[in-house]
Amino acid sequence: MRLTDFWARLEQSFGPGYAGSIAADQVLAQLDGRTIRQALAEGEQTHVVWRAVCAAYPDRVPSRLR
Protein backbone atom coordinates (compact mmCIF):
# COMPACT_ATOMS: atom_id res chain seq x y z
CA MET A 1 0.00 0.00 0.00
CA ARG A 2 1.34 3.41 -0.92
CA LEU A 3 1.65 6.00 1.82
CA THR A 4 -0.83 8.28 0.04
CA ASP A 5 -3.37 5.44 0.02
CA PHE A 6 -2.78 4.85 3.72
CA TRP A 7 -3.47 8.49 4.62
CA ALA A 8 -6.53 8.59 2.36
CA ARG A 9 -7.96 5.52 4.10
CA LEU A 10 -7.23 6.95 7.53
CA GLU A 11 -8.98 10.20 6.60
CA GLN A 12 -11.97 8.33 5.16
CA SER A 13 -12.26 6.34 8.38
CA PHE A 14 -11.77 9.14 10.92
CA GLY A 15 -12.26 12.39 9.04
CA PRO A 16 -9.50 14.77 7.95
CA GLY A 17 -9.06 16.51 11.29
CA TYR A 18 -9.30 13.53 13.59
CA ALA A 19 -7.07 11.29 11.44
CA GLY A 20 -4.05 13.45 12.19
CA SER A 21 -4.78 13.33 15.89
CA ILE A 22 -5.16 9.55 15.85
CA ALA A 23 -1.87 9.21 13.96
CA ALA A 24 0.08 11.44 16.32
CA ASP A 25 -1.50 10.79 19.71
CA GLN A 26 -2.84 7.24 19.96
CA VAL A 27 -0.37 4.55 21.00
CA LEU A 28 -1.34 1.18 19.53
CA ALA A 29 -0.39 -2.09 21.20
CA GLN A 30 -0.33 -3.73 17.77
CA LEU A 31 2.52 -1.37 16.84
CA ASP A 32 4.58 -2.27 19.91
CA GLY A 33 3.45 0.79 21.83
CA ARG A 34 4.13 3.28 19.05
CA THR A 35 1.88 5.79 17.40
CA ILE A 36 1.04 5.52 13.71
CA ARG A 37 3.44 8.36 12.90
CA GLN A 38 6.24 6.79 14.94
CA ALA A 39 5.78 3.40 13.31
CA LEU A 40 5.82 4.89 9.81
CA ALA A 41 8.83 7.10 10.61
CA GLU A 42 10.70 4.05 11.86
CA GLY A 43 10.12 2.27 8.56
CA GLU A 44 7.19 0.01 9.39
CA GLN A 45 5.40 -1.04 6.22
CA THR A 46 2.16 0.80 5.58
CA HIS A 47 0.09 -2.38 5.24
CA VAL A 48 1.30 -3.52 8.68
CA VAL A 49 0.33 -0.18 10.20
CA TRP A 50 -3.03 -0.26 8.43
CA ARG A 51 -3.78 -3.74 9.82
CA ALA A 52 -2.99 -2.39 13.29
CA VAL A 53 -5.41 0.50 12.77
CA CYS A 54 -8.13 -1.92 11.62
CA ALA A 55 -7.55 -4.13 14.67
CA ALA A 56 -7.55 -1.20 17.10
CA TYR A 57 -10.64 0.50 15.63
CA PRO A 58 -12.85 -2.22 14.15
CA ASP A 59 -15.98 -0.08 14.46
CA ARG A 60 -14.46 2.96 12.73
CA VAL A 61 -12.84 1.40 9.66
CA PRO A 62 -15.44 0.55 6.99
CA SER A 63 -15.24 -3.01 5.66
CA ARG A 64 -14.59 -1.71 2.13
CA LEU A 65 -11.31 -0.17 3.36
CA ARG A 66 -9.99 -3.19 5.22
PDB file of N, CA and C in Angstrom:
ATOM      1  N   MET A   1       0.854  -1.177   0.000  1.00  0.00           N
ATOM      2  CA  MET A   1       0.000   0.000   0.000  1.00  0.00           C
ATOM      3  C   MET A   1       0.901   1.241   0.000  1.00  0.00           C
ATOM      4  N   ARG A   2       0.594   2.151  -0.886  1.00  0.00           N
ATOM      5  CA  ARG A   2       1.340   3.414  -0.918  1.00  0.00           C
ATOM      6  C   ARG A   2       0.968   4.275   0.281  1.00  0.00           C
ATOM      7  N   LEU A   3       1.881   5.125   0.669  1.00  0.00           N
ATOM      8  CA  LEU A   3       1.651   5.997   1.816  1.00  0.00           C
ATOM      9  C   LEU A   3       0.467   6.931   1.575  1.00  0.00           C
ATOM     10  N   THR A   4       0.309   7.406   0.346  1.00  0.00           N
ATOM     11  CA  THR A   4      -0.827   8.284   0.041  1.00  0.00           C
ATOM     12  C   THR A   4      -2.144   7.527   0.199  1.00  0.00           C
ATOM     13  N   ASP A   5      -2.166   6.256  -0.172  1.00  0.00           N
ATOM     14  CA  ASP A   5      -3.369   5.443   0.018  1.00  0.00           C
ATOM     15  C   ASP A   5      -3.660   5.243   1.506  1.00  0.00           C
ATOM     16  N   PHE A   6      -2.615   5.020   2.277  1.00  0.00           N
ATOM     17  CA  PHE A   6      -2.777   4.847   3.716  1.00  0.00           C
ATOM     18  C   PHE A   6      -3.451   6.076   4.328  1.00  0.00           C
ATOM     19  N   TRP A   7      -2.908   7.265   4.030  1.00  0.00           N
ATOM     20  CA  TRP A   7      -3.475   8.490   4.616  1.00  0.00           C
ATOM     21  C   TRP A   7      -4.890   8.743   4.124  1.00  0.00           C
ATOM     22  N   ALA A   8      -5.175   8.422   2.882  1.00  0.00           N
ATOM     23  CA  ALA A   8      -6.534   8.588   2.358  1.00  0.00           C
ATOM     24  C   ALA A   8      -7.502   7.676   3.108  1.00  0.00           C
ATOM     25  N   ARG A   9      -7.099   6.442   3.343  1.00  0.00           N
ATOM     26  CA  ARG A   9      -7.964   5.518   4.096  1.00  0.00           C
ATOM     27  C   ARG A   9      -8.173   5.983   5.532  1.00  0.00           C
ATOM     28  N   LEU A  10      -7.107   6.478   6.150  1.00  0.00           N
ATOM     29  CA  LEU A  10      -7.225   6.951   7.526  1.00  0.00           C
ATOM     30  C   LEU A  10      -8.186   8.136   7.592  1.00  0.00           C
ATOM     31  N   GLU A  11      -8.082   9.051   6.633  1.00  0.00           N
ATOM     32  CA  GLU A  11      -8.984  10.199   6.604  1.00  0.00           C
ATOM     33  C   GLU A  11     -10.418   9.790   6.300  1.00  0.00           C
ATOM     34  N   GLN A  12     -10.613   8.812   5.453  1.00  0.00           N
ATOM     35  CA  GLN A  12     -11.968   8.328   5.163  1.00  0.00           C
ATOM     36  C   GLN A  12     -12.581   7.677   6.395  1.00  0.00           C
ATOM     37  N   SER A  13     -11.769   7.040   7.196  1.00  0.00           N
ATOM     38  CA  SER A  13     -12.261   6.340   8.382  1.00  0.00           C
ATOM     39  C   SER A  13     -12.528   7.276   9.552  1.00  0.00           C
ATOM     40  N   PHE A  14     -11.677   8.290   9.728  1.00  0.00           N
ATOM     41  CA  PHE A  14     -11.766   9.136  10.917  1.00  0.00           C
ATOM     42  C   PHE A  14     -12.095  10.595  10.644  1.00  0.00           C
ATOM     43  N   GLY A  15     -12.070  10.981   9.377  1.00  0.00           N
ATOM     44  CA  GLY A  15     -12.256  12.386   9.039  1.00  0.00           C
ATOM     45  C   GLY A  15     -10.907  13.075   8.979  1.00  0.00           C
ATOM     46  N   PRO A  16     -10.802  14.122   8.165  1.00  0.00           N
ATOM     47  CA  PRO A  16      -9.503  14.768   7.950  1.00  0.00           C
ATOM     48  C   PRO A  16      -8.863  15.338   9.210  1.00  0.00           C
ATOM     49  N   GLY A  17      -9.636  15.930  10.078  1.00  0.00           N
ATOM     50  CA  GLY A  17      -9.062  16.511  11.292  1.00  0.00           C
ATOM     51  C   GLY A  17      -8.672  15.492  12.331  1.00  0.00           C
ATOM     52  N   TYR A  18      -9.519  14.534  12.546  1.00  0.00           N
ATOM     53  CA  TYR A  18      -9.300  13.533  13.588  1.00  0.00           C
ATOM     54  C   TYR A  18      -8.233  12.516  13.183  1.00  0.00           C
ATOM     55  N   ALA A  19      -8.062  12.256  11.902  1.00  0.00           N
ATOM     56  CA  ALA A  19      -7.066  11.286  11.437  1.00  0.00           C
ATOM     57  C   ALA A  19      -5.662  11.703  11.875  1.00  0.00           C
ATOM     58  N   GLY A  20      -5.358  12.968  11.768  1.00  0.00           N
ATOM     59  CA  GLY A  20      -4.046  13.452  12.192  1.00  0.00           C
ATOM     60  C   GLY A  20      -3.818  13.284  13.677  1.00  0.00           C
ATOM     61  N   SER A  21      -4.869  13.508  14.444  1.00  0.00           N
ATOM     62  CA  SER A  21      -4.778  13.334  15.890  1.00  0.00           C
ATOM     63  C   SER A  21      -4.566  11.866  16.252  1.00  0.00           C
ATOM     64  N   ILE A  22      -5.315  10.995  15.616  1.00  0.00           N
ATOM     65  CA  ILE A  22      -5.158   9.550  15.852  1.00  0.00           C
ATOM     66  C   ILE A  22      -3.726   9.131  15.529  1.00  0.00           C
ATOM     67  N   ALA A  23      -3.208   9.606  14.413  1.00  0.00           N
ATOM     68  CA  ALA A  23      -1.869   9.212  13.960  1.00  0.00           C
ATOM     69  C   ALA A  23      -0.775   9.691  14.906  1.00  0.00           C
ATOM     70  N   ALA A  24      -0.962  10.856  15.479  1.00  0.00           N
ATOM     71  CA  ALA A  24       0.083  11.438  16.320  1.00  0.00           C
ATOM     72  C   ALA A  24      -0.046  11.093  17.802  1.00  0.00           C
ATOM     73  N   ASP A  25      -1.275  10.872  18.274  1.00  0.00           N
ATOM     74  CA  ASP A  25      -1.500  10.792  19.713  1.00  0.00           C
ATOM     75  C   ASP A  25      -1.835   9.414  20.268  1.00  0.00           C
ATOM     76  N   GLN A  26      -2.392   8.539  19.457  1.00  0.00           N
ATOM     77  CA  GLN A  26      -2.841   7.243  19.959  1.00  0.00           C
ATOM     78  C   GLN A  26      -1.747   6.188  19.839  1.00  0.00           C
ATOM     79  N   VAL A  27      -1.348   5.636  20.978  1.00  0.00           N
ATOM     80  CA  VAL A  27      -0.368   4.552  20.998  1.00  0.00           C
ATOM     81  C   VAL A  27      -1.126   3.248  20.794  1.00  0.00           C
ATOM     82  N   LEU A  28      -0.663   2.443  19.842  1.00  0.00           N
ATOM     83  CA  LEU A  28      -1.335   1.178  19.529  1.00  0.00           C
ATOM     84  C   LEU A  28      -0.487   0.001  19.983  1.00  0.00           C
ATOM     85  N   ALA A  29      -1.097  -0.888  20.743  1.00  0.00           N
ATOM     86  CA  ALA A  29      -0.393  -2.088  21.203  1.00  0.00           C
ATOM     87  C   ALA A  29       0.096  -2.917  20.024  1.00  0.00           C
ATOM     88  N   GLN A  30      -0.686  -2.943  18.947  1.00  0.00           N
ATOM     89  CA  GLN A  30      -0.332  -3.728  17.766  1.00  0.00           C
ATOM     90  C   GLN A  30       0.916  -3.191  17.074  1.00  0.00           C
ATOM     91  N   LEU A  31       1.308  -1.974  17.404  1.00  0.00           N
ATOM     92  CA  LEU A  31       2.516  -1.371  16.839  1.00  0.00           C
ATOM     93  C   LEU A  31       3.623  -1.294  17.892  1.00  0.00           C
ATOM     94  N   ASP A  32       3.571  -2.203  18.841  1.00  0.00           N
ATOM     95  CA  ASP A  32       4.575  -2.274  19.910  1.00  0.00           C
ATOM     96  C   ASP A  32       4.664  -0.980  20.710  1.00  0.00           C
ATOM     97  N   GLY A  33       3.501  -0.397  20.986  1.00  0.00           N
ATOM     98  CA  GLY A  33       3.453   0.789  21.825  1.00  0.00           C
ATOM     99  C   GLY A  33       3.879   2.068  21.129  1.00  0.00           C
ATOM    100  N   ARG A  34       3.799   2.079  19.817  1.00  0.00           N
ATOM    101  CA  ARG A  34       4.131   3.284  19.050  1.00  0.00           C
ATOM    102  C   ARG A  34       2.865   3.894  18.484  1.00  0.00           C
ATOM    103  N   THR A  35       2.969   5.162  18.129  1.00  0.00           N
ATOM    104  CA  THR A  35       1.877   5.794  17.401  1.00  0.00           C
ATOM    105  C   THR A  35       2.018   5.432  15.928  1.00  0.00           C
ATOM    106  N   ILE A  36       0.999   5.756  15.157  1.00  0.00           N
ATOM    107  CA  ILE A  36       1.041   5.518  13.712  1.00  0.00           C
ATOM    108  C   ILE A  36       2.207   6.284  13.101  1.00  0.00           C
ATOM    109  N   ARG A  37       2.344   7.545  13.455  1.00  0.00           N
ATOM    110  CA  ARG A  37       3.437   8.365  12.899  1.00  0.00           C
ATOM    111  C   ARG A  37       4.805   7.812  13.274  1.00  0.00           C
ATOM    112  N   GLN A  38       4.960   7.365  14.515  1.00  0.00           N
ATOM    113  CA  GLN A  38       6.235   6.794  14.936  1.00  0.00           C
ATOM    114  C   GLN A  38       6.551   5.525  14.148  1.00  0.00           C
ATOM    115  N   ALA A  39       5.565   4.660  14.020  1.00  0.00           N
ATOM    116  CA  ALA A  39       5.781   3.404  13.307  1.00  0.00           C
ATOM    117  C   ALA A  39       6.181   3.660  11.857  1.00  0.00           C
ATOM    118  N   LEU A  40       5.491   4.573  11.199  1.00  0.00           N
ATOM    119  CA  LEU A  40       5.822   4.893   9.808  1.00  0.00           C
ATOM    120  C   LEU A  40       7.203   5.540   9.703  1.00  0.00           C
ATOM    121  N   ALA A  41       7.521   6.431  10.623  1.00  0.00           N
ATOM    122  CA  ALA A  41       8.826   7.098  10.607  1.00  0.00           C
ATOM    123  C   ALA A  41       9.969   6.116  10.840  1.00  0.00           C
ATOM    124  N   GLU A  42       9.679   5.057  11.583  1.00  0.00           N
ATOM    125  CA  GLU A  42      10.696   4.046  11.863  1.00  0.00           C
ATOM    126  C   GLU A  42      10.766   2.970  10.785  1.00  0.00           C
ATOM    127  N   GLY A  43      10.017   3.169   9.701  1.00  0.00           N
ATOM    128  CA  GLY A  43      10.122   2.271   8.564  1.00  0.00           C
ATOM    129  C   GLY A  43       9.154   1.106   8.524  1.00  0.00           C
ATOM    130  N   GLU A  44       8.185   1.094   9.431  1.00  0.00           N
ATOM    131  CA  GLU A  44       7.186   0.011   9.389  1.00  0.00           C
ATOM    132  C   GLU A  44       6.417   0.106   8.076  1.00  0.00           C
ATOM    133  N   GLN A  45       6.131  -1.020   7.489  1.00  0.00           N
ATOM    134  CA  GLN A  45       5.404  -1.035   6.219  1.00  0.00           C
ATOM    135  C   GLN A  45       3.979  -0.540   6.427  1.00  0.00           C
ATOM    136  N   THR A  46       3.479   0.187   5.442  1.00  0.00           N
ATOM    137  CA  THR A  46       2.157   0.797   5.576  1.00  0.00           C
ATOM    138  C   THR A  46       1.060  -0.237   5.748  1.00  0.00           C
ATOM    139  N   HIS A  47       1.156  -1.387   5.094  1.00  0.00           N
ATOM    140  CA  HIS A  47       0.092  -2.384   5.243  1.00  0.00           C
ATOM    141  C   HIS A  47       0.084  -2.973   6.654  1.00  0.00           C
ATOM    142  N   VAL A  48       1.233  -3.046   7.298  1.00  0.00           N
ATOM    143  CA  VAL A  48       1.303  -3.525   8.683  1.00  0.00           C
ATOM    144  C   VAL A  48       0.641  -2.509   9.610  1.00  0.00           C
ATOM    145  N   VAL A  49       0.930  -1.239   9.384  1.00  0.00           N
ATOM    146  CA  VAL A  49       0.328  -0.178  10.203  1.00  0.00           C
ATOM    147  C   VAL A  49      -1.174  -0.136   9.971  1.00  0.00           C
ATOM    148  N   TRP A  50      -1.605  -0.294   8.722  1.00  0.00           N
ATOM    149  CA  TRP A  50      -3.031  -0.263   8.433  1.00  0.00           C
ATOM    150  C   TRP A  50      -3.753  -1.419   9.118  1.00  0.00           C
ATOM    151  N   ARG A  51      -3.158  -2.597   9.117  1.00  0.00           N
ATOM    152  CA  ARG A  51      -3.777  -3.736   9.823  1.00  0.00           C
ATOM    153  C   ARG A  51      -3.915  -3.440  11.308  1.00  0.00           C
ATOM    154  N   ALA A  52      -2.925  -2.761  11.878  1.00  0.00           N
ATOM    155  CA  ALA A  52      -2.985  -2.389  13.291  1.00  0.00           C
ATOM    156  C   ALA A  52      -4.127  -1.405  13.545  1.00  0.00           C
ATOM    157  N   VAL A  53      -4.307  -0.457  12.646  1.00  0.00           N
ATOM    158  CA  VAL A  53      -5.414   0.502  12.769  1.00  0.00           C
ATOM    159  C   VAL A  53      -6.747  -0.238  12.704  1.00  0.00           C
ATOM    160  N   CYS A  54      -6.883  -1.144  11.763  1.00  0.00           N
ATOM    161  CA  CYS A  54      -8.127  -1.918  11.620  1.00  0.00           C
ATOM    162  C   CYS A  54      -8.415  -2.735  12.873  1.00  0.00           C
ATOM    163  N   ALA A  55      -7.377  -3.320  13.456  1.00  0.00           N
ATOM    164  CA  ALA A  55      -7.552  -4.126  14.667  1.00  0.00           C
ATOM    165  C   ALA A  55      -7.908  -3.253  15.877  1.00  0.00           C
ATOM    166  N   ALA A  56      -7.313  -2.080  15.955  1.00  0.00           N
ATOM    167  CA  ALA A  56      -7.548  -1.200  17.100  1.00  0.00           C
ATOM    168  C   ALA A  56      -8.897  -0.488  17.036  1.00  0.00           C
ATOM    169  N   TYR A  57      -9.390  -0.251  15.825  1.00  0.00           N
ATOM    170  CA  TYR A  57     -10.636   0.500  15.631  1.00  0.00           C
ATOM    171  C   TYR A  57     -11.587  -0.247  14.689  1.00  0.00           C
ATOM    172  N   PRO A  58     -12.012  -1.427  15.063  1.00  0.00           N
ATOM    173  CA  PRO A  58     -12.855  -2.216  14.147  1.00  0.00           C
ATOM    174  C   PRO A  58     -14.189  -1.563  13.821  1.00  0.00           C
ATOM    175  N   ASP A  59     -14.692  -0.729  14.698  1.00  0.00           N
ATOM    176  CA  ASP A  59     -15.982  -0.075  14.458  1.00  0.00           C
ATOM    177  C   ASP A  59     -15.855   1.194  13.612  1.00  0.00           C
ATOM    178  N   ARG A  60     -14.642   1.717  13.471  1.00  0.00           N
ATOM    179  CA  ARG A  60     -14.456   2.959  12.728  1.00  0.00           C
ATOM    180  C   ARG A  60     -14.039   2.746  11.272  1.00  0.00           C
ATOM    181  N   VAL A  61     -13.350   1.640  11.007  1.00  0.00           N
ATOM    182  CA  VAL A  61     -12.843   1.402   9.656  1.00  0.00           C
ATOM    183  C   VAL A  61     -13.896   0.637   8.863  1.00  0.00           C
ATOM    184  N   PRO A  62     -14.426   1.234   7.800  1.00  0.00           N
ATOM    185  CA  PRO A  62     -15.442   0.549   6.991  1.00  0.00           C
ATOM    186  C   PRO A  62     -14.864  -0.730   6.353  1.00  0.00           C
ATOM    187  N   SER A  63     -15.686  -1.721   6.215  1.00  0.00           N
ATOM    188  CA  SER A  63     -15.237  -3.011   5.659  1.00  0.00           C
ATOM    189  C   SER A  63     -14.643  -2.858   4.267  1.00  0.00           C
ATOM    190  N   ARG A  64     -15.116  -1.898   3.490  1.00  0.00           N
ATOM    191  CA  ARG A  64     -14.593  -1.711   2.132  1.00  0.00           C
ATOM    192  C   ARG A  64     -13.151  -1.196   2.136  1.00  0.00           C
ATOM    193  N   LEU A  65     -12.680  -0.688   3.264  1.00  0.00           N
ATOM    194  CA  LEU A  65     -11.311  -0.172   3.358  1.00  0.00           C
ATOM    195  C   LEU A  65     -10.348  -1.135   4.032  1.00  0.00           C
ATOM    196  N   ARG A  66     -10.860  -2.249   4.496  1.00  0.00           N
ATOM    197  CA  ARG A  66      -9.994  -3.190   5.223  1.00  0.00           C
ATOM    198  C   ARG A  66      -9.091  -3.928   4.335  1.00  0.00           C
TER     199      ARG A  66
END
